[in-house]
Amino acid sequence: MDPTGLRMAVFERMEAPVGSGRLRPVLGLRLSMGEDGPMSQVALLANPAARSGRAAGDVQTVVDRLRTRGVEPFVLDATSAREAASAAADAVASGVDRLVVFGGDGIVQIAADAAAGSDTVLGLVAGGTGNDAAEALGLRVGSLEDRVDRALADPVPVDLIWTGERHAVTSCVAGFPAAVNVRAEAMRFPRGPSRYTLATLAELPGMRPGRYRLTLDGEVVELTAAVVVVANTAFFGGGMRICPDADPTDGLLDVCVVGEVGRLSLLRSFAKVRTGAHLDHPDVSMFRAAAVGIVALDARPGLRADGEPFGSLPCDLVASPGAIQVAGALTAPPGRA
């Protein structure tokens, strides 16, 4: 690909309101650095589900706010996760200065995977269901306009989780929460954190702890667990502090293991996860390592990351220090509530 030009048909310049049906493509357009200042090359990637319907107004608000700040964004044209991944990768390969992402953790993962190891700065504008990445990096508070402004702030280095093939931003999850996530994803109602609560109750009757082999910086541990979470940041499941002391700048991964617990005990521990008080449960163990291997000996092999399918076990997860630059990020661990 020619590094001096943006790939044709990837970008649409916003010539009309979102959803108006009058978006006019400007093919192969790239502004020089001298025309509009240091952030003239800004691409906007929105969750495909947010490009139409009621959410389209929020996308328009994001675009209008960027224009107010003197930025004319290129809107990445994507109607599916696959297209979003391709468009984000093309934008980064073309040398776009900043990739602003509007949506939840799934679209953030796509953008982070594309931007990892590049000079492209990632701007996160929370607009999804869970928003755990934005919450962990202090980017969820304020009005939508405030969040857009922070997406144009100075960049901060942030770690990612690396599998050898792709990146995750918040955490990788095996066991009961992965099953809950699958069920929650299939639910159309309600929205927000209460969806995960209902999905948890629905999955609980079939919960069975499994056997895992963990390798933590070369040290092997075999255990029975209902939950295994390998975290780069503190939150999962829509604001639950599963690893409240996880620091996305320390080059390490926090591992939370909920051991061989019964259904009632698991439910009680999950009720405490929102504040981080689950760490006091006698069957909860915490580890920290730069590299974590997980093998399912007698357990469900499914793996989720950032609320999305992420392959299956076995897998090797490695902290990737400073893999992305995130605009306006606050990286101090939140700790317990």
Protein backbone atom coordinates (compact mmCIF):
# COMPACT_ATOMS: atom_id res chain seq x y z
CA MET A 1 0.00 0.00 0.00
CA ASP A 2 1.19 3.50 -0.80
CA PRO A 3 1.99 5.00 2.65
CA THR A 4 1.42 8.54 1.37
CA GLY A 5 -2.27 8.10 0.63
CA LEU A 6 -5.36 6.78 2.32
CA ARG A 7 -6.73 3.62 0.82
CA MET A 8 -9.63 4.38 -1.51
CA ALA A 9 -13.14 3.40 -0.46
CA VAL A 10 -12.16 3.08 3.19
CA PHE A 11 -13.02 6.64 4.19
CA GLU A 12 -16.10 8.78 3.85
CA ARG A 13 -15.91 12.51 4.49
CA MET A 14 -18.97 13.65 6.43
CA GLU A 15 -20.71 15.86 3.86
CA ALA A 16 -24.21 15.31 5.31
CA PRO A 17 -25.82 14.15 8.57
CA VAL A 18 -25.37 10.51 9.54
CA GLY A 19 -28.31 8.43 8.43
CA SER A 20 -29.39 10.97 5.80
CA GLY A 21 -28.35 8.66 2.98
CA ARG A 22 -26.31 11.51 1.49
CA LEU A 23 -22.79 10.66 2.63
CA ARG A 24 -20.55 11.57 -0.29
CA PRO A 25 -17.27 9.60 -0.48
CA VAL A 26 -14.06 11.54 -1.01
CA LEU A 27 -11.77 8.88 -2.44
CA GLY A 28 -8.07 8.77 -1.74
CA LEU A 29 -8.18 12.05 0.18
CA ARG A 30 -5.44 12.88 2.67
CA LEU A 31 -4.86 16.33 4.12
CA SER A 32 -1.30 17.53 4.43
CA MET A 33 -0.02 18.36 7.90
CA GLY A 34 0.20 22.04 7.04
CA GLU A 35 -3.42 22.55 6.05
CA ASP A 36 -5.33 21.91 9.28
CA GLY A 37 -2.62 21.55 11.90
CA PRO A 38 -1.20 18.52 13.70
CA MET A 39 -4.46 16.54 13.92
CA SER A 40 -5.75 17.00 10.36
CA GLN A 41 -5.57 13.24 9.75
CA VAL A 42 -8.20 11.91 12.14
CA ALA A 43 -10.30 8.84 11.36
CA LEU A 44 -13.53 7.99 13.17
CA LEU A 45 -14.57 4.37 13.71
CA ALA A 46 -18.05 3.83 15.13
CA ASN A 47 -19.66 0.60 16.22
CA PRO A 48 -21.51 -0.58 13.08
CA ALA A 49 -24.71 -0.85 15.15
CA ALA A 50 -24.39 2.86 15.99
CA ARG A 51 -24.38 3.98 12.36
CA SER A 52 -28.15 3.72 12.04
CA GLY A 53 -31.31 4.03 14.14
CA ARG A 54 -31.47 6.02 17.38
CA ALA A 55 -27.71 5.82 17.94
CA ALA A 56 -26.99 7.59 14.64
CA GLY A 57 -27.69 10.89 16.37
CA ASP A 58 -24.84 10.22 18.79
CA VAL A 59 -22.48 9.55 15.89
CA GLN A 60 -23.51 12.88 14.40
CA THR A 61 -22.85 14.55 17.76
CA VAL A 62 -19.33 13.07 17.78
CA VAL A 63 -18.68 14.37 14.27
CA ASP A 64 -20.08 17.81 15.09
CA ARG A 65 -17.94 18.07 18.21
CA LEU A 66 -14.81 17.11 16.29
CA ARG A 67 -15.61 19.84 13.77
CA THR A 68 -16.08 22.32 16.61
CA ARG A 69 -12.55 21.41 17.71
CA GLY A 70 -11.25 22.14 14.21
CA VAL A 71 -11.05 18.50 13.10
CA GLU A 72 -12.71 17.25 9.92
CA PRO A 73 -12.80 13.47 10.46
CA PHE A 74 -12.69 10.70 7.92
CA VAL A 75 -15.46 8.25 8.85
CA LEU A 76 -14.46 4.62 8.38
CA ASP A 77 -17.18 2.86 6.44
CA ALA A 78 -17.95 -0.46 8.15
CA THR A 79 -21.20 -2.38 8.52
CA SER A 80 -19.78 -5.37 10.42
CA ALA A 81 -16.99 -6.24 12.84
CA ARG A 82 -14.98 -7.79 10.01
CA GLU A 83 -15.27 -4.63 7.92
CA ALA A 84 -14.44 -2.49 10.94
CA ALA A 85 -11.24 -4.48 11.55
CA SER A 86 -10.21 -4.14 7.91
CA ALA A 87 -10.97 -0.43 7.80
CA ALA A 88 -9.10 0.26 11.05
CA ALA A 89 -6.07 -1.71 9.85
CA ASP A 90 -6.06 0.18 6.55
CA ALA A 91 -6.31 3.53 8.33
CA VAL A 92 -3.35 2.75 10.59
CA ALA A 93 -1.29 1.36 7.71
CA SER A 94 -1.98 4.59 5.81
CA GLY A 95 -0.43 6.56 8.65
CA VAL A 96 -3.50 8.27 10.10
CA ASP A 97 -2.47 10.41 13.07
CA ARG A 98 -5.39 9.57 15.34
CA LEU A 99 -8.11 6.92 15.32
CA VAL A 100 -11.16 8.03 17.31
CA VAL A 101 -13.39 5.11 18.34
CA PHE A 102 -17.03 5.49 19.33
CA GLY A 103 -18.70 2.46 20.90
CA GLY A 104 -18.11 -0.22 23.51
CA ASP A 105 -15.35 -2.67 24.34
CA GLY A 106 -15.75 -4.76 21.18
CA ILE A 107 -15.02 -1.90 18.78
CA VAL A 108 -12.27 -0.65 21.12
CA GLN A 109 -10.59 -4.06 20.88
CA ILE A 110 -10.74 -3.89 17.08
CA ALA A 111 -9.17 -0.43 17.01
CA ALA A 112 -6.51 -1.27 19.61
CA ASP A 113 -5.49 -4.39 17.73
CA ALA A 114 -5.08 -2.30 14.58
CA ALA A 115 -3.17 0.52 16.28
CA ALA A 116 -0.88 -1.64 18.45
CA GLY A 117 2.79 -0.92 17.83
CA SER A 118 2.08 2.02 15.52
CA ASP A 119 2.32 5.79 15.87
CA THR A 120 -1.46 6.17 15.57
CA VAL A 121 -3.03 7.57 18.75
CA LEU A 122 -6.27 5.94 19.91
CA GLY A 123 -9.09 8.18 21.12
CA LEU A 124 -11.82 6.34 23.05
CA VAL A 125 -15.34 7.80 23.15
CA ALA A 126 -17.45 5.54 25.36
CA GLY A 127 -20.77 4.67 23.73
CA GLY A 128 -21.39 0.96 24.27
CA THR A 129 -23.05 -1.33 26.80
CA GLY A 130 -20.11 -2.29 29.02
CA ASN A 131 -17.46 0.40 28.36
CA ASP A 132 -15.00 -1.34 30.68
CA ALA A 133 -11.92 -0.10 28.80
CA ALA A 134 -13.11 3.51 28.97
CA GLU A 135 -14.03 3.10 32.65
CA ALA A 136 -10.61 1.73 33.52
CA LEU A 137 -8.83 4.57 31.71
CA GLY A 138 -10.96 7.36 33.16
CA LEU A 139 -12.61 8.09 29.82
CA ARG A 140 -16.25 7.34 30.59
CA VAL A 141 -17.24 10.37 32.67
CA GLY A 142 -18.85 13.54 31.41
CA SER A 143 -21.10 14.39 28.50
CA LEU A 144 -20.60 12.93 25.04
CA GLU A 145 -18.96 16.20 24.00
CA ASP A 146 -16.57 15.97 26.98
CA ARG A 147 -15.61 12.44 25.96
CA VAL A 148 -14.90 13.58 22.40
CA ASP A 149 -12.66 16.36 23.73
CA ARG A 150 -10.62 13.81 25.71
CA ALA A 151 -10.18 11.75 22.55
CA LEU A 152 -8.12 14.68 21.25
CA ALA A 153 -5.96 15.01 24.37
CA ASP A 154 -2.29 14.13 24.68
CA PRO A 155 -1.50 10.40 24.35
CA VAL A 156 -0.54 8.09 27.23
CA PRO A 157 1.19 4.69 26.74
CA VAL A 158 -1.03 1.75 27.72
CA ASP A 159 -0.29 -1.99 27.82
CA LEU A 160 -2.27 -4.62 25.96
CA ILE A 161 -2.67 -8.40 26.25
CA TRP A 162 -1.06 -10.27 23.35
CA THR A 163 -1.80 -13.85 22.26
CA GLY A 164 0.75 -14.04 19.47
CA GLU A 165 -2.01 -13.32 16.95
CA ARG A 166 -4.22 -10.57 18.36
CA HIS A 167 -4.58 -8.12 21.22
CA ALA A 168 -7.07 -7.64 24.05
CA VAL A 169 -7.52 -4.45 26.04
CA THR A 170 -9.27 -5.26 29.34
CA SER A 171 -9.22 -8.97 30.22
CA CYS A 172 -9.41 -12.54 28.94
CA VAL A 173 -11.99 -14.71 30.68
CA ALA A 174 -12.52 -18.46 30.99
CA GLY A 175 -15.08 -20.44 32.94
CA PHE A 176 -18.43 -19.26 34.25
CA PRO A 177 -18.15 -15.55 33.26
CA ALA A 178 -17.43 -16.56 29.67
CA ALA A 179 -20.69 -18.50 29.60
CA VAL A 180 -22.49 -15.54 31.16
CA ASN A 181 -21.02 -13.24 28.52
CA VAL A 182 -22.29 -15.47 25.72
CA ARG A 183 -25.80 -15.44 27.19
CA ALA A 184 -25.74 -11.68 27.83
CA GLU A 185 -24.65 -11.05 24.26
CA ALA A 186 -27.69 -12.95 23.00
CA MET A 187 -30.11 -10.96 25.17
CA ARG A 188 -31.88 -8.00 23.59
CA PHE A 189 -33.17 -6.64 26.89
CA PRO A 190 -32.28 -5.07 29.27
CA ARG A 191 -29.35 -2.84 28.33
CA GLY A 192 -26.43 -1.95 30.57
CA PRO A 193 -25.02 -3.82 33.59
CA SER A 194 -28.39 -5.35 34.53
CA ARG A 195 -28.12 -7.52 31.42
CA TYR A 196 -25.08 -9.26 32.93
CA THR A 197 -26.91 -9.72 36.23
CA LEU A 198 -29.82 -11.51 34.56
CA ALA A 199 -27.46 -13.59 32.42
CA THR A 200 -25.57 -14.63 35.56
CA LEU A 201 -28.77 -15.86 37.21
CA ALA A 202 -29.77 -17.74 34.06
CA GLU A 203 -26.40 -19.52 33.76
CA LEU A 204 -26.00 -20.32 37.44
CA PRO A 205 -27.93 -23.66 37.51
CA GLY A 206 -25.48 -25.17 35.01
CA MET A 207 -22.31 -23.87 36.67
CA ARG A 208 -19.60 -26.46 37.30
CA PRO A 209 -15.98 -25.64 38.27
CA GLY A 210 -13.37 -27.06 35.92
CA ARG A 211 -9.75 -28.15 36.08
CA TYR A 212 -7.09 -25.82 34.66
CA ARG A 213 -3.35 -25.71 34.34
CA LEU A 214 -1.91 -22.21 34.67
CA THR A 215 1.68 -21.33 33.83
CA LEU A 216 2.68 -18.06 35.48
CA ASP A 217 6.08 -16.82 34.29
CA GLY A 218 7.14 -20.45 34.01
CA GLU A 219 5.65 -21.65 37.30
CA VAL A 220 2.96 -24.31 36.78
CA VAL A 221 -0.16 -24.42 38.94
CA GLU A 222 -3.01 -26.93 38.52
CA LEU A 223 -6.30 -26.00 40.13
CA THR A 224 -10.06 -26.34 40.07
CA ALA A 225 -11.83 -23.08 39.32
CA ALA A 226 -15.19 -21.66 38.39
CA VAL A 227 -13.59 -18.46 37.10
CA VAL A 228 -10.22 -17.58 35.55
CA VAL A 229 -9.65 -13.96 34.55
CA VAL A 230 -6.39 -12.61 33.13
CA ALA A 231 -6.61 -8.83 33.32
CA ASN A 232 -4.77 -5.83 31.99
CA THR A 233 -7.28 -3.41 33.53
CA ALA A 234 -9.55 -3.50 36.56
CA PHE A 235 -13.07 -3.90 35.17
CA PHE A 236 -15.09 -6.54 33.37
CA GLY A 237 -18.77 -7.40 32.89
CA GLY A 238 -19.98 -3.81 32.81
CA GLY A 239 -18.14 -2.15 35.70
CA MET A 240 -17.28 -5.06 38.03
CA ARG A 241 -13.87 -4.66 39.71
CA ILE A 242 -12.60 -8.16 39.07
CA CYS A 243 -8.93 -7.09 39.41
CA PRO A 244 -9.14 -3.71 41.13
CA ASP A 245 -5.37 -3.27 41.40
CA ALA A 246 -4.57 -4.09 37.77
CA ASP A 247 -2.22 -1.44 36.35
CA PRO A 248 -2.24 -1.11 32.53
CA THR A 249 1.26 0.39 32.57
CA ASP A 250 3.23 -2.07 34.72
CA GLY A 251 3.98 -4.72 32.07
CA LEU A 252 2.18 -7.36 34.15
CA LEU A 253 -1.14 -9.20 34.03
CA ASP A 254 -3.33 -9.68 37.10
CA VAL A 255 -4.95 -13.11 37.39
CA CYS A 256 -8.09 -13.68 39.43
CA VAL A 257 -9.09 -17.28 40.16
CA VAL A 258 -12.37 -18.15 41.85
CA GLY A 259 -11.83 -21.71 43.03
CA GLU A 260 -14.00 -24.73 43.70
CA VAL A 261 -17.11 -22.96 44.93
CA GLY A 262 -20.77 -23.92 44.92
CA ARG A 263 -23.47 -22.01 43.10
CA LEU A 264 -24.62 -20.03 46.13
CA SER A 265 -21.08 -19.14 47.15
CA LEU A 266 -20.29 -18.06 43.58
CA LEU A 267 -23.39 -15.90 43.47
CA ARG A 268 -22.39 -14.26 46.75
CA SER A 269 -18.88 -13.59 45.50
CA PHE A 270 -20.18 -12.09 42.26
CA ALA A 271 -22.37 -9.75 44.25
CA LYS A 272 -19.15 -8.36 45.75
CA VAL A 273 -17.21 -8.05 42.49
CA ARG A 274 -18.70 -4.64 41.72
CA THR A 275 -16.73 -3.18 44.65
CA GLY A 276 -13.75 -5.56 44.64
CA ALA A 277 -14.74 -7.07 48.00
CA HIS A 278 -14.68 -10.56 46.43
CA LEU A 279 -10.92 -10.58 47.05
CA ASP A 280 -11.67 -11.30 50.70
CA HIS A 281 -13.41 -14.58 49.82
CA PRO A 282 -11.29 -17.56 50.95
CA ASP A 283 -11.69 -19.30 47.58
CA VAL A 284 -10.46 -16.31 45.55
CA SER A 285 -6.76 -16.29 44.65
CA MET A 286 -4.79 -13.53 42.95
CA PHE A 287 -1.60 -13.88 40.91
CA ARG A 288 0.51 -11.50 38.85
CA ALA A 289 2.77 -12.40 35.93
CA ALA A 290 4.08 -11.05 32.63
CA ALA A 291 3.15 -14.25 30.80
CA VAL A 292 0.19 -16.52 31.55
CA GLY A 293 -0.59 -19.85 29.91
CA ILE A 294 -4.01 -21.48 30.39
CA VAL A 295 -4.87 -25.10 29.59
CA ALA A 296 -8.35 -26.55 30.16
CA LEU A 297 -7.79 -30.01 31.64
CA ASP A 298 -11.46 -30.66 32.36
CA ALA A 299 -13.26 -27.40 31.75
CA ARG A 300 -15.10 -25.46 29.10
CA PRO A 301 -12.50 -24.36 26.53
CA GLY A 302 -14.23 -21.14 25.49
CA LEU A 303 -12.33 -17.87 25.93
CA ARG A 304 -13.71 -14.32 25.84
CA ALA A 305 -11.90 -11.01 25.79
CA ASP A 306 -13.34 -7.51 25.98
CA GLY A 307 -16.78 -9.10 25.94
CA GLU A 308 -16.15 -10.80 22.58
CA PRO A 309 -15.27 -14.34 21.43
CA PHE A 310 -11.50 -14.76 21.63
CA GLY A 311 -10.74 -18.29 20.50
CA SER A 312 -10.39 -21.21 22.86
CA LEU A 313 -8.04 -22.85 25.33
CA PRO A 314 -5.17 -23.62 25.47
CA CYS A 315 -3.73 -20.16 25.01
CA ASP A 316 -0.70 -18.10 25.99
CA LEU A 317 -1.26 -14.50 27.09
CA VAL A 318 1.57 -11.98 27.38
CA ALA A 319 1.61 -8.41 28.61
CA SER A 320 2.65 -6.06 25.79
CA PRO A 321 4.03 -2.93 27.52
CA GLY A 322 3.07 0.42 26.02
CA ALA A 323 1.55 -1.25 22.97
CA ILE A 324 -0.85 1.62 22.25
CA GLN A 325 -1.07 5.35 22.84
CA VAL A 326 -4.46 6.33 24.31
CA ALA A 327 -5.55 9.96 24.32
CA GLY A 328 -6.21 11.42 27.76
CA ALA A 329 -5.94 8.08 29.58
CA LEU A 330 -5.75 7.97 33.39
CA THR A 331 -3.92 4.77 34.20
CA ALA A 332 -3.86 4.58 38.01
CA PRO A 333 -5.66 1.41 39.22
CA PRO A 334 -9.04 2.27 40.75
CA GLY A 335 -8.65 -0.12 43.71
CA ARG A 336 -11.68 -1.21 45.70
CA ALA A 337 -14.76 0.97 45.82
